[in-house]
Amino acid sequence: MYARFTRGPYDAATVSGRLRGFPDPFPVRNDGHRPWRYRVVSFLSRAVLRAWFGAGLQVRGMENVPLDGPMLMVCNHLSNVDAFLFGGYAPGTMFCMAKRELYSNPATAWILGGCNCYPVDRGAPDRWALRTTLDILARRGRVLIFVEGTRAASPGMKRAEAGIGFLARRSGARLLPVAVWGTERALRRGAHLPRRVPVTVQFGEAFELAPPSGRADDRAIADEVAARIAALLPPAYRGVYG
C-alpha cells in the first residue's frame, strides 16, 4: 500500500512561494500513480529517444527494477539526456531531485513539478529537499538520484556525494544501481541537438545496506553505492572507482 504524503514545516508552499509555477501541494498526486504531466512527458521522451537513437539505444535489466518502495535508484550522470532516459523508460512512478536553476521559468517549474521532480539547492545544505526525499521514502516511494551530484566533465565517474550515504542510512531503503554510458557523446556540453550514437542503460540488482558496525560513515556508504554502479560500467567509465 502506498502511503499518503503529509505536509510539514518545509512543505511545498515554502518552495512554491519562491519558485513561481512549482505546484503546491507537492507531490501533485499522493496515491502512487503518475500525474498526467508525467505520463505525457514520459511518452514523448520514449518516442523521441527511440526515434532518434533507434537500435543503438539499449535498455537492459528492467526486470531488476522493484515496482514498490522504499527504493533509491542511484546512477552516474554524463549528460542532460540521462534524465529523459529515466523519465521515458524507468517503470512505475519515480521521483527525482533536480538542480534549482532548472525551475527559474514558471512553465518549466510547473512541468517538472508535475513530473515528480523537485528542486535542490546544490550550493548549500537543502533541508527541504532532504526532508522531502526522506518523506517520499518513508511512504514507500522511489527516488532517482545521480550520485555525483552533477554531470561528469569526462566519461570517468567522479566521487559520489556523501549525501547519498546519509539518505540510504536514514531511510533504510533498498538501493538499485544503474549505469548509463554513451550519452556524453550523444549530447556534448554546449550542444543543442543530440548525435545518433550507441547509448546504454544497465539496471543492476537491488540491494540493502549491511547492518552498520560502529559509527555510521556516510562517506563510506556513498563510496560503496558508487562502486556498485561502477561495476556495471565499461572500465573506461569507472573513473575513481576503477
Protein backbone atom coordinates (compact mmCIF):
# COMPACT_ATOMS: atom_id res chain seq x y z
CA MET A 1 0.00 0.00 0.00
CA TYR A 2 1.34 3.40 -1.00
CA ALA A 3 1.02 5.73 2.00
CA ARG A 4 -0.23 9.27 1.55
CA PHE A 5 2.13 12.21 1.92
CA THR A 6 1.84 14.71 4.73
CA ARG A 7 2.95 18.31 4.71
CA GLY A 8 5.45 19.51 7.29
CA PRO A 9 7.17 22.80 8.15
CA TYR A 10 9.21 22.57 4.94
CA ASP A 11 6.23 21.82 2.71
CA ALA A 12 5.68 22.73 -0.94
CA ALA A 13 4.29 26.15 -0.04
CA THR A 14 7.74 27.08 1.26
CA VAL A 15 9.21 26.33 -2.15
CA SER A 16 6.34 27.39 -4.41
CA GLY A 17 6.33 30.79 -2.73
CA ARG A 18 9.86 31.33 -4.06
CA LEU A 19 9.55 29.36 -7.32
CA ARG A 20 6.64 30.54 -9.42
CA GLY A 21 4.90 27.67 -11.16
CA PHE A 22 6.04 24.90 -8.82
CA PRO A 23 2.92 23.03 -7.64
CA ASP A 24 1.52 23.39 -4.17
CA PRO A 25 0.87 20.89 -2.75
CA PHE A 26 3.70 18.64 -3.88
CA PRO A 27 3.54 15.87 -4.98
CA VAL A 28 0.69 16.53 -7.39
CA ARG A 29 -0.66 13.03 -6.72
CA ASN A 30 -0.10 11.23 -3.45
CA ASP A 31 -1.59 7.84 -4.36
CA GLY A 32 1.44 6.33 -6.10
CA HIS A 33 0.17 6.97 -9.63
CA ARG A 34 1.72 9.23 -12.27
CA PRO A 35 0.24 12.72 -12.76
CA TRP A 36 -0.90 13.39 -16.33
CA ARG A 37 2.09 15.68 -16.96
CA TYR A 38 4.39 12.82 -16.00
CA ARG A 39 2.58 10.43 -18.36
CA VAL A 40 2.75 12.84 -21.30
CA VAL A 41 6.44 13.69 -20.83
CA SER A 42 7.30 10.01 -20.34
CA PHE A 43 5.56 9.04 -23.58
CA LEU A 44 7.18 11.85 -25.55
CA SER A 45 10.63 11.10 -24.11
CA ARG A 46 10.36 7.43 -25.02
CA ALA A 47 9.09 8.18 -28.53
CA VAL A 48 11.74 10.79 -29.32
CA LEU A 49 14.63 8.79 -27.86
CA ARG A 50 13.66 5.62 -29.72
CA ALA A 51 13.15 7.53 -32.97
CA TRP A 52 16.48 9.31 -32.65
CA PHE A 53 18.75 6.51 -31.41
CA GLY A 54 16.92 3.53 -32.91
CA ALA A 55 18.52 0.16 -32.24
CA GLY A 56 21.54 1.98 -30.80
CA LEU A 57 19.56 2.60 -27.60
CA GLN A 58 19.87 -0.42 -25.31
CA VAL A 59 17.92 -0.58 -22.02
CA ARG A 60 18.91 -3.69 -20.12
CA GLY A 61 17.88 -5.33 -16.86
CA MET A 62 14.48 -3.69 -16.44
CA GLU A 63 13.29 -6.90 -14.83
CA ASN A 64 15.54 -5.96 -11.87
CA VAL A 65 13.57 -2.80 -11.06
CA PRO A 66 11.34 -3.20 -7.98
CA LEU A 67 7.93 -1.69 -8.56
CA ASP A 68 7.43 -0.95 -4.87
CA GLY A 69 9.44 1.06 -2.39
CA PRO A 70 11.08 2.43 -0.48
CA MET A 71 13.85 2.49 -3.07
CA LEU A 72 16.72 4.74 -4.08
CA MET A 73 17.62 4.35 -7.75
CA VAL A 74 21.26 5.50 -7.90
CA CYS A 75 23.05 6.32 -11.14
CA ASN A 76 26.09 8.00 -12.69
CA HIS A 77 25.48 11.17 -14.71
CA LEU A 78 27.02 12.11 -18.06
CA SER A 79 24.51 14.22 -19.99
CA ASN A 80 21.17 16.01 -19.91
CA VAL A 81 19.87 13.09 -21.97
CA ASP A 82 20.09 10.89 -18.85
CA ALA A 83 17.03 12.42 -17.18
CA PHE A 84 14.89 11.81 -20.28
CA LEU A 85 16.06 8.18 -20.41
CA PHE A 86 14.76 7.58 -16.91
CA GLY A 87 11.63 9.62 -17.49
CA GLY A 88 10.86 7.55 -20.56
CA TYR A 89 11.95 4.07 -19.54
CA ALA A 90 12.01 3.67 -15.75
CA PRO A 91 8.90 1.61 -14.92
CA GLY A 92 6.38 2.73 -12.34
CA THR A 93 6.28 6.09 -10.59
CA MET A 94 9.59 7.76 -9.77
CA PHE A 95 10.60 10.97 -8.01
CA CYS A 96 13.77 12.90 -8.77
CA MET A 97 15.75 15.81 -7.36
CA ALA A 98 16.83 18.37 -9.97
CA LYS A 99 19.02 21.44 -9.62
CA ARG A 100 17.15 24.54 -8.55
CA GLU A 101 18.35 26.52 -11.57
CA LEU A 102 16.04 24.49 -13.83
CA TYR A 103 12.98 25.95 -12.07
CA SER A 104 13.63 29.62 -12.90
CA ASN A 105 10.94 29.62 -15.60
CA PRO A 106 7.39 29.21 -14.16
CA ALA A 107 6.24 26.99 -17.05
CA THR A 108 9.26 24.70 -16.64
CA ALA A 109 8.73 24.60 -12.86
CA TRP A 110 5.09 23.61 -13.45
CA ILE A 111 6.06 20.79 -15.85
CA LEU A 112 8.90 19.50 -13.65
CA GLY A 113 6.69 19.52 -10.55
CA GLY A 114 4.05 17.54 -12.45
CA CYS A 115 6.74 15.01 -13.39
CA ASN A 116 7.56 14.40 -9.69
CA CYS A 117 10.79 16.41 -9.95
CA TYR A 118 11.57 18.73 -7.03
CA PRO A 119 14.30 21.34 -6.62
CA VAL A 120 17.51 21.04 -4.67
CA ASP A 121 19.95 23.84 -3.93
CA ARG A 122 23.36 22.39 -4.72
CA GLY A 123 25.22 25.36 -3.22
CA ALA A 124 24.24 24.70 0.40
CA PRO A 125 22.63 22.05 2.61
CA ASP A 126 19.00 21.95 1.47
CA ARG A 127 16.81 20.84 4.38
CA TRP A 128 13.61 20.96 2.32
CA ALA A 129 14.99 18.67 -0.40
CA LEU A 130 16.42 16.20 2.15
CA ARG A 131 13.23 16.16 4.18
CA THR A 132 11.11 15.73 1.05
CA THR A 133 13.26 12.81 -0.09
CA LEU A 134 13.04 11.09 3.29
CA ASP A 135 9.29 11.73 3.37
CA ILE A 136 8.85 10.11 -0.06
CA LEU A 137 10.89 7.08 1.01
CA ALA A 138 9.06 6.79 4.33
CA ARG A 139 5.84 6.48 2.33
CA ARG A 140 7.25 3.71 0.16
CA GLY A 141 8.13 5.94 -2.79
CA ARG A 142 11.01 5.50 -5.23
CA VAL A 143 13.57 8.25 -5.81
CA LEU A 144 16.17 8.63 -8.58
CA ILE A 145 19.45 10.25 -7.54
CA PHE A 146 22.55 10.96 -9.62
CA VAL A 147 25.22 10.13 -7.06
CA GLU A 148 27.91 12.50 -8.39
CA GLY A 149 25.61 15.48 -7.84
CA THR A 150 26.19 16.88 -11.33
CA ARG A 151 27.27 15.76 -14.79
CA ALA A 152 30.80 14.41 -15.02
CA ALA A 153 33.10 16.53 -17.18
CA SER A 154 34.54 13.34 -18.72
CA PRO A 155 33.32 9.73 -19.00
CA GLY A 156 35.05 8.60 -15.77
CA MET A 157 32.96 8.66 -12.57
CA LYS A 158 33.64 11.37 -10.02
CA ARG A 159 33.50 10.73 -6.29
CA ALA A 160 29.92 10.28 -5.10
CA GLU A 161 28.37 12.91 -2.85
CA ALA A 162 28.24 11.84 0.81
CA GLY A 163 24.56 12.86 0.90
CA ILE A 164 23.57 9.62 -0.81
CA GLY A 165 25.08 7.78 2.14
CA PHE A 166 23.04 9.90 4.54
CA LEU A 167 19.80 9.22 2.66
CA ALA A 168 20.49 5.49 2.39
CA ARG A 169 21.35 5.20 6.08
CA ARG A 170 18.48 7.32 7.38
CA SER A 171 15.80 5.79 5.14
CA GLY A 172 16.87 2.13 5.21
CA ALA A 173 15.61 1.94 1.62
CA ARG A 174 16.75 -0.62 -0.92
CA LEU A 175 19.24 0.69 -3.45
CA LEU A 176 19.15 -0.06 -7.16
CA PRO A 177 22.41 0.73 -9.00
CA VAL A 178 22.05 1.87 -12.61
CA ALA A 179 24.79 2.64 -15.14
CA VAL A 180 24.48 4.88 -18.19
CA TRP A 181 27.08 5.33 -20.90
CA GLY A 182 27.23 6.84 -24.36
CA THR A 183 25.07 9.85 -23.52
CA GLU A 184 28.13 12.08 -23.13
CA ARG A 185 28.72 11.63 -26.86
CA ALA A 186 25.02 11.83 -27.72
CA LEU A 187 24.73 15.36 -26.32
CA ARG A 188 28.01 17.11 -25.67
CA ARG A 189 28.16 20.10 -23.31
CA GLY A 190 27.09 23.20 -25.16
CA ALA A 191 25.43 21.25 -28.00
CA HIS A 192 21.77 21.93 -28.84
CA LEU A 193 20.94 18.72 -30.73
CA PRO A 194 21.87 15.12 -29.87
CA ARG A 195 24.01 12.92 -32.10
CA ARG A 196 22.96 9.44 -33.18
CA VAL A 197 25.38 7.22 -31.23
CA PRO A 198 25.04 3.99 -29.20
CA VAL A 199 23.59 4.61 -25.73
CA THR A 200 23.19 2.01 -22.98
CA VAL A 201 21.24 1.95 -19.72
CA GLN A 202 22.04 -1.04 -17.48
CA PHE A 203 19.87 -1.69 -14.41
CA GLY A 204 21.69 -3.73 -11.77
CA GLU A 205 20.26 -5.74 -8.89
CA ALA A 206 18.67 -4.09 -5.87
CA PHE A 207 20.47 -4.49 -2.56
CA GLU A 208 20.20 -3.41 1.06
CA LEU A 209 22.96 -1.98 3.20
CA ALA A 210 24.55 -4.36 5.63
CA PRO A 211 23.84 -3.54 9.30
CA PRO A 212 26.31 -0.85 10.38
CA SER A 213 29.19 -1.83 12.62
CA GLY A 214 30.25 1.02 14.90
CA ARG A 215 29.76 4.66 13.91
CA ALA A 216 27.81 5.28 10.71
CA ASP A 217 30.02 6.61 7.91
CA ASP A 218 28.01 8.33 5.17
CA ARG A 219 31.13 8.82 3.06
CA ALA A 220 31.90 5.08 3.10
CA ILE A 221 28.27 4.21 2.28
CA ALA A 222 28.31 6.61 -0.68
CA ASP A 223 31.51 5.02 -1.98
CA GLU A 224 30.03 1.53 -1.61
CA VAL A 225 26.97 2.57 -3.60
CA ALA A 226 29.07 4.25 -6.31
CA ALA A 227 31.34 1.21 -6.59
CA ARG A 228 28.30 -0.94 -7.41
CA ILE A 229 27.34 1.49 -10.17
CA ALA A 230 30.91 1.45 -11.50
CA ALA A 231 30.88 -2.35 -11.62
CA LEU A 232 28.08 -2.11 -14.23
CA LEU A 233 30.03 0.34 -16.40
CA PRO A 234 32.69 -0.40 -19.03
CA PRO A 235 36.18 0.07 -17.48
CA ALA A 236 36.78 3.39 -19.24
CA TYR A 237 33.77 4.92 -17.45
CA ARG A 238 34.58 3.84 -13.88
CA GLY A 239 36.81 6.81 -13.06
CA VAL A 240 37.80 7.00 -9.38
CA TYR A 241 36.01 3.68 -8.77
CA GLY A 242 38.09 1.78 -11.33
